C-alpha atoms as a PDB file:
ATOM      1  CA  MET A   1      97.900 160.476 212.324  1.00  0.00           C
ATOM      2  CA  ASN A   2      95.749 157.794 211.096  1.00  0.00           C
ATOM      3  CA  LYS A   3      91.852 158.057 210.982  1.00  0.00           C
ATOM      4  CA  PRO A   4      91.037 156.037 214.405  1.00  0.00           C
ATOM      5  CA  GLU A   5      93.617 158.571 216.244  1.00  0.00           C
ATOM      6  CA  LEU A   6      92.154 161.500 214.567  1.00  0.00           C
ATOM      7  CA  ARG A   7      88.551 160.759 215.273  1.00  0.00           C
ATOM      8  CA  LYS A   8      89.643 160.218 218.841  1.00  0.00           C
ATOM      9  CA  GLU A   9      91.471 163.505 219.247  1.00  0.00           C
ATOM     10  CA  LEU A  10      88.666 165.409 217.476  1.00  0.00           C
ATOM     11  CA  LEU A  11      85.983 163.867 219.477  1.00  0.00           C
ATOM     12  CA  GLU A  12      87.692 164.928 222.713  1.00  0.00           C
ATOM     13  CA  LYS A  13      87.835 168.313 221.142  1.00  0.00           C
ATOM     14  CA  ARG A  14      84.099 168.389 220.413  1.00  0.00           C
ATOM     15  CA  ASN A  15      83.065 166.772 223.882  1.00  0.00           C
ATOM     16  CA  SER A  16      85.070 169.464 225.636  1.00  0.00           C
ATOM     17  CA  LEU A  17      82.623 171.968 224.357  1.00  0.00           C
ATOM     18  CA  SER A  18      80.306 173.764 226.606  1.00  0.00           C
ATOM     19  CA  ARG A  19      76.533 173.367 226.200  1.00  0.00           C
ATOM     20  CA  THR A  20      76.641 177.339 225.489  1.00  0.00           C
ATOM     21  CA  GLU A  21      79.376 177.071 222.701  1.00  0.00           C
ATOM     22  CA  VAL A  22      77.677 174.030 221.208  1.00  0.00           C
ATOM     23  CA  LEU A  23      74.392 176.436 221.097  1.00  0.00           C
ATOM     24  CA  ALA A  24      76.033 179.222 219.683  1.00  0.00           C
ATOM     25  CA  ALA A  25      77.666 177.551 217.181  1.00  0.00           C
ATOM     26  CA  SER A  26      74.501 175.712 216.243  1.00  0.00           C
ATOM     27  CA  GLU A  27      72.491 179.227 216.103  1.00  0.00           C
ATOM     28  CA  SER A  28      75.255 180.436 213.729  1.00  0.00           C
ATOM     29  CA  ILE A  29      75.023 177.489 211.243  1.00  0.00           C
ATOM     30  CA  ILE A  30      71.290 177.413 211.201  1.00  0.00           C
ATOM     31  CA  LYS A  31      71.195 181.157 210.353  1.00  0.00           C
ATOM     32  CA  GLU A  32      73.344 180.039 207.311  1.00  0.00           C
ATOM     33  CA  ILE A  33      70.878 177.267 206.602  1.00  0.00           C
ATOM     34  CA  GLU A  34      67.990 179.698 206.867  1.00  0.00           C
ATOM     35  CA  ASN A  35      69.444 182.100 203.983  1.00  0.00           C
ATOM     36  CA  LEU A  36      69.363 178.976 201.765  1.00  0.00           C
ATOM     37  CA  ILE A  37      65.717 178.539 202.733  1.00  0.00           C
ATOM     38  CA  LYS A  38      64.824 182.354 202.043  1.00  0.00           C
ATOM     39  CA  LYS A  39      66.029 181.719 198.277  1.00  0.00           C
ATOM     40  CA  THR A  40      63.906 178.391 197.507  1.00  0.00           C
ATOM     41  CA  GLY A  41      60.459 177.800 197.282  1.00  0.00           C
ATOM     42  CA  LYS A  42      60.301 173.936 197.264  1.00  0.00           C
ATOM     43  CA  ILE A  43      63.035 172.109 198.901  1.00  0.00           C
ATOM     44  CA  THR A  44      63.967 168.776 200.472  1.00  0.00           C
ATOM     45  CA  ILE A  45      66.331 169.001 203.704  1.00  0.00           C
ATOM     46  CA  LEU A  46      67.592 165.943 205.007  1.00  0.00           C
ATOM     47  CA  GLY A  47      69.327 166.548 208.337  1.00  0.00           C
ATOM     48  CA  PHE A  48      70.463 164.511 211.430  1.00  0.00           C
ATOM     49  CA  MET A  49      69.697 164.604 215.336  1.00  0.00           C
ATOM     50  CA  PRO A  50      72.559 165.274 217.324  1.00  0.00           C
ATOM     51  CA  LEU A  51      74.754 162.874 219.077  1.00  0.00           C
ATOM     52  CA  GLY A  52      76.667 164.243 221.872  1.00  0.00           C
ATOM     53  CA  ASN A  53      78.263 167.781 220.960  1.00  0.00           C
ATOM     54  CA  GLU A  54      77.397 167.541 217.417  1.00  0.00           C
ATOM     55  CA  ILE A  55      75.547 170.676 215.800  1.00  0.00           C
ATOM     56  CA  ASP A  56      72.185 170.825 217.167  1.00  0.00           C
ATOM     57  CA  LEU A  57      69.788 171.456 214.507  1.00  0.00           C
ATOM     58  CA  ARG A  58      66.553 170.884 216.547  1.00  0.00           C
ATOM     59  CA  PRO A  59      65.621 174.442 216.538  1.00  0.00           C
ATOM     60  CA  LEU A  60      65.608 174.596 212.782  1.00  0.00           C
ATOM     61  CA  PHE A  61      63.633 171.261 212.669  1.00  0.00           C
ATOM     62  CA  LEU A  62      61.022 172.682 215.099  1.00  0.00           C
ATOM     63  CA  LYS A  63      60.776 175.800 212.762  1.00  0.00           C
ATOM     64  CA  ILE A  64      60.122 173.772 209.785  1.00  0.00           C
ATOM     65  CA  LEU A  65      57.759 171.557 211.375  1.00  0.00           C
ATOM     66  CA  ILE A  66      55.337 174.324 212.795  1.00  0.00           C
ATOM     67  CA  GLY A  67      55.380 175.978 209.380  1.00  0.00           C
ATOM     68  CA  TYR A  68      57.450 179.151 210.262  1.00  0.00           C
ATOM     69  CA  TYR A  69      59.283 179.076 206.974  1.00  0.00           C
ATOM     70  CA  LYS A  70      56.122 178.394 205.056  1.00  0.00           C
ATOM     71  CA  ASP A  71      54.529 181.349 206.445  1.00  0.00           C
ATOM     72  CA  LYS A  72      57.500 183.681 206.383  1.00  0.00           C
ATOM     73  CA  TYR A  73      59.070 182.748 202.929  1.00  0.00           C
ATOM     74  CA  ASP A  74      56.247 180.608 201.361  1.00  0.00           C
ATOM     75  CA  ALA A  75      58.853 177.717 201.439  1.00  0.00           C
ATOM     76  CA  ASP A  76      57.554 174.169 200.933  1.00  0.00           C
ATOM     77  CA  ILE A  77      59.946 172.175 202.928  1.00  0.00           C
ATOM     78  CA  THR A  78      60.087 168.216 203.218  1.00  0.00           C
ATOM     79  CA  LEU A  79      62.269 167.354 206.222  1.00  0.00           C
ATOM     80  CA  GLY A  80      63.838 163.994 206.359  1.00  0.00           C
ATOM     81  CA  LEU A  81      66.040 162.116 208.827  1.00  0.00           C
ATOM     82  CA  PRO A  82      68.148 159.130 208.788  1.00  0.00           C
ATOM     83  CA  ARG A  83      67.572 155.769 210.018  1.00  0.00           C
ATOM     84  CA  VAL A  84      69.922 152.842 210.157  1.00  0.00           C
ATOM     85  CA  CYS A  85      68.061 149.707 208.627  1.00  0.00           C
ATOM     86  CA  GLY A  86      70.633 146.703 208.988  1.00  0.00           C
ATOM     87  CA  LYS A  87      73.804 147.726 207.342  1.00  0.00           C
ATOM     88  CA  GLU A  88      72.452 150.576 205.251  1.00  0.00           C
ATOM     89  CA  MET A  89      71.208 154.224 205.956  1.00  0.00           C
ATOM     90  CA  ARG A  90      67.778 155.247 204.844  1.00  0.00           C
ATOM     91  CA  PHE A  91      65.838 158.695 205.141  1.00  0.00           C
ATOM     92  CA  PHE A  92      62.383 159.290 206.278  1.00  0.00           C
ATOM     93  CA  LYS A  93      59.943 162.016 206.142  1.00  0.00           C
ATOM     94  CA  ILE A  94      59.340 163.582 209.677  1.00  0.00           C
ATOM     95  CA  ASN A  95      56.099 165.310 210.711  1.00  0.00           C
ATOM     96  CA  SER A  96      57.226 165.624 214.557  1.00  0.00           C
ATOM     97  CA  LEU A  97      60.139 165.112 216.606  1.00  0.00           C
ATOM     98  CA  ASP A  98      57.985 163.544 219.213  1.00  0.00           C
ATOM     99  CA  SER A  99      57.538 160.458 216.834  1.00  0.00           C
ATOM    100  CA  LEU A 100      61.482 159.595 216.979  1.00  0.00           C
ATOM    101  CA  VAL A 101      62.852 156.532 218.615  1.00  0.00           C
ATOM    102  CA  LYS A 102      66.329 155.848 220.163  1.00  0.00           C
ATOM    103  CA  SER A 103      68.574 153.672 218.128  1.00  0.00           C
ATOM    104  CA  LYS A 104      70.869 151.143 219.039  1.00  0.00           C
ATOM    105  CA  PHE A 105      73.620 153.894 218.781  1.00  0.00           C
ATOM    106  CA  GLY A 106      71.572 156.303 221.024  1.00  0.00           C
ATOM    107  CA  ILE A 107      70.435 158.443 218.171  1.00  0.00           C
ATOM    108  CA  MET A 108      67.017 159.487 217.769  1.00  0.00           C
ATOM    109  CA  GLU A 109      65.575 158.117 214.502  1.00  0.00           C
ATOM    110  CA  PRO A 110      62.362 158.075 212.596  1.00  0.00           C
ATOM    111  CA  ASP A 111      60.252 154.966 213.117  1.00  0.00           C
ATOM    112  CA  LEU A 112      59.905 152.671 210.330  1.00  0.00           C
ATOM    113  CA  ASN A 113      56.290 153.421 209.850  1.00  0.00           C
ATOM    114  CA  SER A 114      57.291 156.749 208.294  1.00  0.00           C
ATOM    115  CA  GLU A 115      57.529 157.465 204.611  1.00  0.00           C
ATOM    116  CA  GLU A 116      60.763 156.589 203.103  1.00  0.00           C
ATOM    117  CA  ILE A 117      62.442 159.621 201.176  1.00  0.00           C
ATOM    118  CA  ILE A 118      64.841 158.391 198.025  1.00  0.00           C
ATOM    119  CA  ALA A 119      67.422 161.632 198.203  1.00  0.00           C
ATOM    120  CA  GLU A 120      67.271 163.248 194.987  1.00  0.00           C
ATOM    121  CA  ASN A 121      68.023 167.006 194.619  1.00  0.00           C
ATOM    122  CA  ALA A 122      67.860 167.195 198.232  1.00  0.00           C
ATOM    123  CA  HIS A 123      69.741 169.670 200.589  1.00  0.00           C
ATOM    124  CA  VAL A 124      71.699 167.283 202.767  1.00  0.00           C
ATOM    125  CA  LEU A 125      72.907 168.476 206.279  1.00  0.00           C
ATOM    126  CA  VAL A 126      75.828 166.068 207.207  1.00  0.00           C
ATOM    127  CA  PRO A 127      77.240 165.351 210.604  1.00  0.00           C
ATOM    128  CA  LEU A 128      80.964 164.873 210.679  1.00  0.00           C
ATOM    129  CA  ILE A 129      84.123 164.462 212.889  1.00  0.00           C
ATOM    130  CA  GLY A 130      86.379 166.324 210.242  1.00  0.00           C
ATOM    131  CA  LEU A 131      87.050 167.516 206.965  1.00  0.00           C
ATOM    132  CA  ASN A 132      90.441 167.356 205.060  1.00  0.00           C
ATOM    133  CA  LYS A 133      91.390 170.340 202.469  1.00  0.00           C
ATOM    134  CA  TYR A 134      89.494 169.012 199.755  1.00  0.00           C
ATOM    135  CA  GLN A 135      86.210 168.830 201.600  1.00  0.00           C
ATOM    136  CA  GLN A 136      86.239 165.031 202.120  1.00  0.00           C
ATOM    137  CA  ARG A 137      84.451 163.886 205.307  1.00  0.00           C
ATOM    138  CA  LEU A 138      85.731 162.044 208.270  1.00  0.00           C
ATOM    139  CA  GLY A 139      82.902 160.216 209.970  1.00  0.00           C
ATOM    140  CA  PHE A 140      82.573 157.790 212.649  1.00  0.00           C
ATOM    141  CA  GLY A 141      83.596 154.980 210.244  1.00  0.00           C
ATOM    142  CA  GLY A 142      80.455 153.067 209.674  1.00  0.00           C
ATOM    143  CA  GLY A 143      80.440 154.089 206.274  1.00  0.00           C
ATOM    144  CA  PHE A 144      76.596 154.884 206.405  1.00  0.00           C
ATOM    145  CA  TYR A 145      76.949 158.276 204.483  1.00  0.00           C
ATOM    146  CA  ASP A 146      79.416 157.256 202.218  1.00  0.00           C
ATOM    147  CA  LYS A 147      77.521 154.286 201.082  1.00  0.00           C
ATOM    148  CA  TYR A 148      74.330 156.175 200.773  1.00  0.00           C
ATOM    149  CA  PHE A 149      75.569 159.000 198.856  1.00  0.00           C
ATOM    150  CA  GLY A 150      77.715 157.036 196.811  1.00  0.00           C
ATOM    151  CA  LEU A 151      74.396 155.374 195.507  1.00  0.00           C
ATOM    152  CA  HIS A 152      72.463 158.865 195.735  1.00  0.00           C
ATOM    153  CA  ARG A 153      74.774 161.323 194.035  1.00  0.00           C
ATOM    154  CA  ASN A 154      72.253 163.866 192.698  1.00  0.00           C
ATOM    155  CA  ASN A 155      72.152 165.747 196.068  1.00  0.00           C
ATOM    156  CA  ILE A 156      73.761 168.947 197.536  1.00  0.00           C
ATOM    157  CA  LEU A 157      75.923 167.857 200.524  1.00  0.00           C
ATOM    158  CA  TYR A 158      76.456 170.435 203.114  1.00  0.00           C
ATOM    159  CA  GLY A 159      79.277 169.585 205.862  1.00  0.00           C
ATOM    160  CA  LEU A 160      78.446 171.147 209.271  1.00  0.00           C
ATOM    161  CA  ALA A 161      81.520 171.799 211.221  1.00  0.00           C
ATOM    162  CA  TYR A 162      83.072 173.487 214.051  1.00  0.00           C
ATOM    163  CA  ASP A 163      86.243 175.672 213.015  1.00  0.00           C
ATOM    164  CA  PHE A 164      88.655 173.054 214.718  1.00  0.00           C
ATOM    165  CA  GLN A 165      86.957 170.392 212.515  1.00  0.00           C
ATOM    166  CA  ILE A 166      88.289 171.525 209.206  1.00  0.00           C
ATOM    167  CA  ASP A 167      91.405 171.376 207.105  1.00  0.00           C
ATOM    168  CA  ILE A 168      92.365 168.176 208.982  1.00  0.00           C
ATOM    169  CA  ASP A 169      95.277 166.331 207.635  1.00  0.00           C
ATOM    170  CA  PHE A 170      94.159 162.932 206.417  1.00  0.00           C
ATOM    171  CA  VAL A 171      94.236 160.735 203.487  1.00  0.00           C
ATOM    172  CA  ALA A 172      90.701 160.071 202.501  1.00  0.00           C
ATOM    173  CA  GLU A 173      89.848 156.705 200.776  1.00  0.00           C
ATOM    174  CA  GLU A 174      88.060 156.519 197.543  1.00  0.00           C
ATOM    175  CA  HIS A 175      84.748 155.982 199.036  1.00  0.00           C
ATOM    176  CA  ASP A 176      84.963 159.058 201.506  1.00  0.00           C
ATOM    177  CA  ILE A 177      82.345 161.479 200.235  1.00  0.00           C
ATOM    178  CA  LEU A 178      83.130 165.234 199.019  1.00  0.00           C
ATOM    179  CA  MET A 179      80.987 167.687 200.359  1.00  0.00           C
ATOM    180  CA  ASP A 180      79.718 170.394 197.852  1.00  0.00           C
ATOM    181  CA  HIS A 181      79.677 173.168 200.725  1.00  0.00           C
ATOM    182  CA  ILE A 182      80.931 173.500 204.387  1.00  0.00           C
ATOM    183  CA  ILE A 183      79.066 175.744 207.035  1.00  0.00           C
ATOM    184  CA  VAL A 184      81.600 176.452 209.637  1.00  0.00           C
ATOM    185  CA  ALA A 185      80.943 178.046 213.192  1.00  0.00           C
ATOM    186  CA  GLU A 186      83.682 179.495 215.129  1.00  0.00           C
ATOM    187  CA  VAL A 187      83.743 178.289 218.587  1.00  0.00           C
ATOM    188  CA  ARG A 188      87.264 179.340 219.995  1.00  0.00           C
ATOM    189  CA  ALA A 189      89.579 182.357 219.067  1.00  0.00           C
END
């Protein structure tokens, strides 16, 4: 199956998930990310705002922003989210989810007045449609993550996936980024 057909099939599966399934899977993935936070002192986390039934990290972001992890684990966390600027993606520091604006793609993004983060040694939570057995990412096809992390290689990439999104049979292209780690949530038996 080619990439456009795979995207369509996997998006149909993802879109068929109930809100309860999405929230349970998201909670499971957030617990794994919290285990990472417990082990670190100072950390930059670059995340994403959910589109449709993507993994929803907003509860994690809210805990970061209110200082929960600082108080509980003495974790100093800088949180960044992506914004598409023309034909490229950039990350910006987030101090509040209320300051986000809706993009032309329907994704909530930081406004351009936010402080830019140049990703270096960051823990990057990456959205995806699928992953092959080599942990290469199938995205929406715009190449934004591939281009950005092709240039900014000194980061740790975590692919966040539902169980049906892994070990997908597709041939990756040279520019398709490779995940360093995968965090998977089981949604169906």
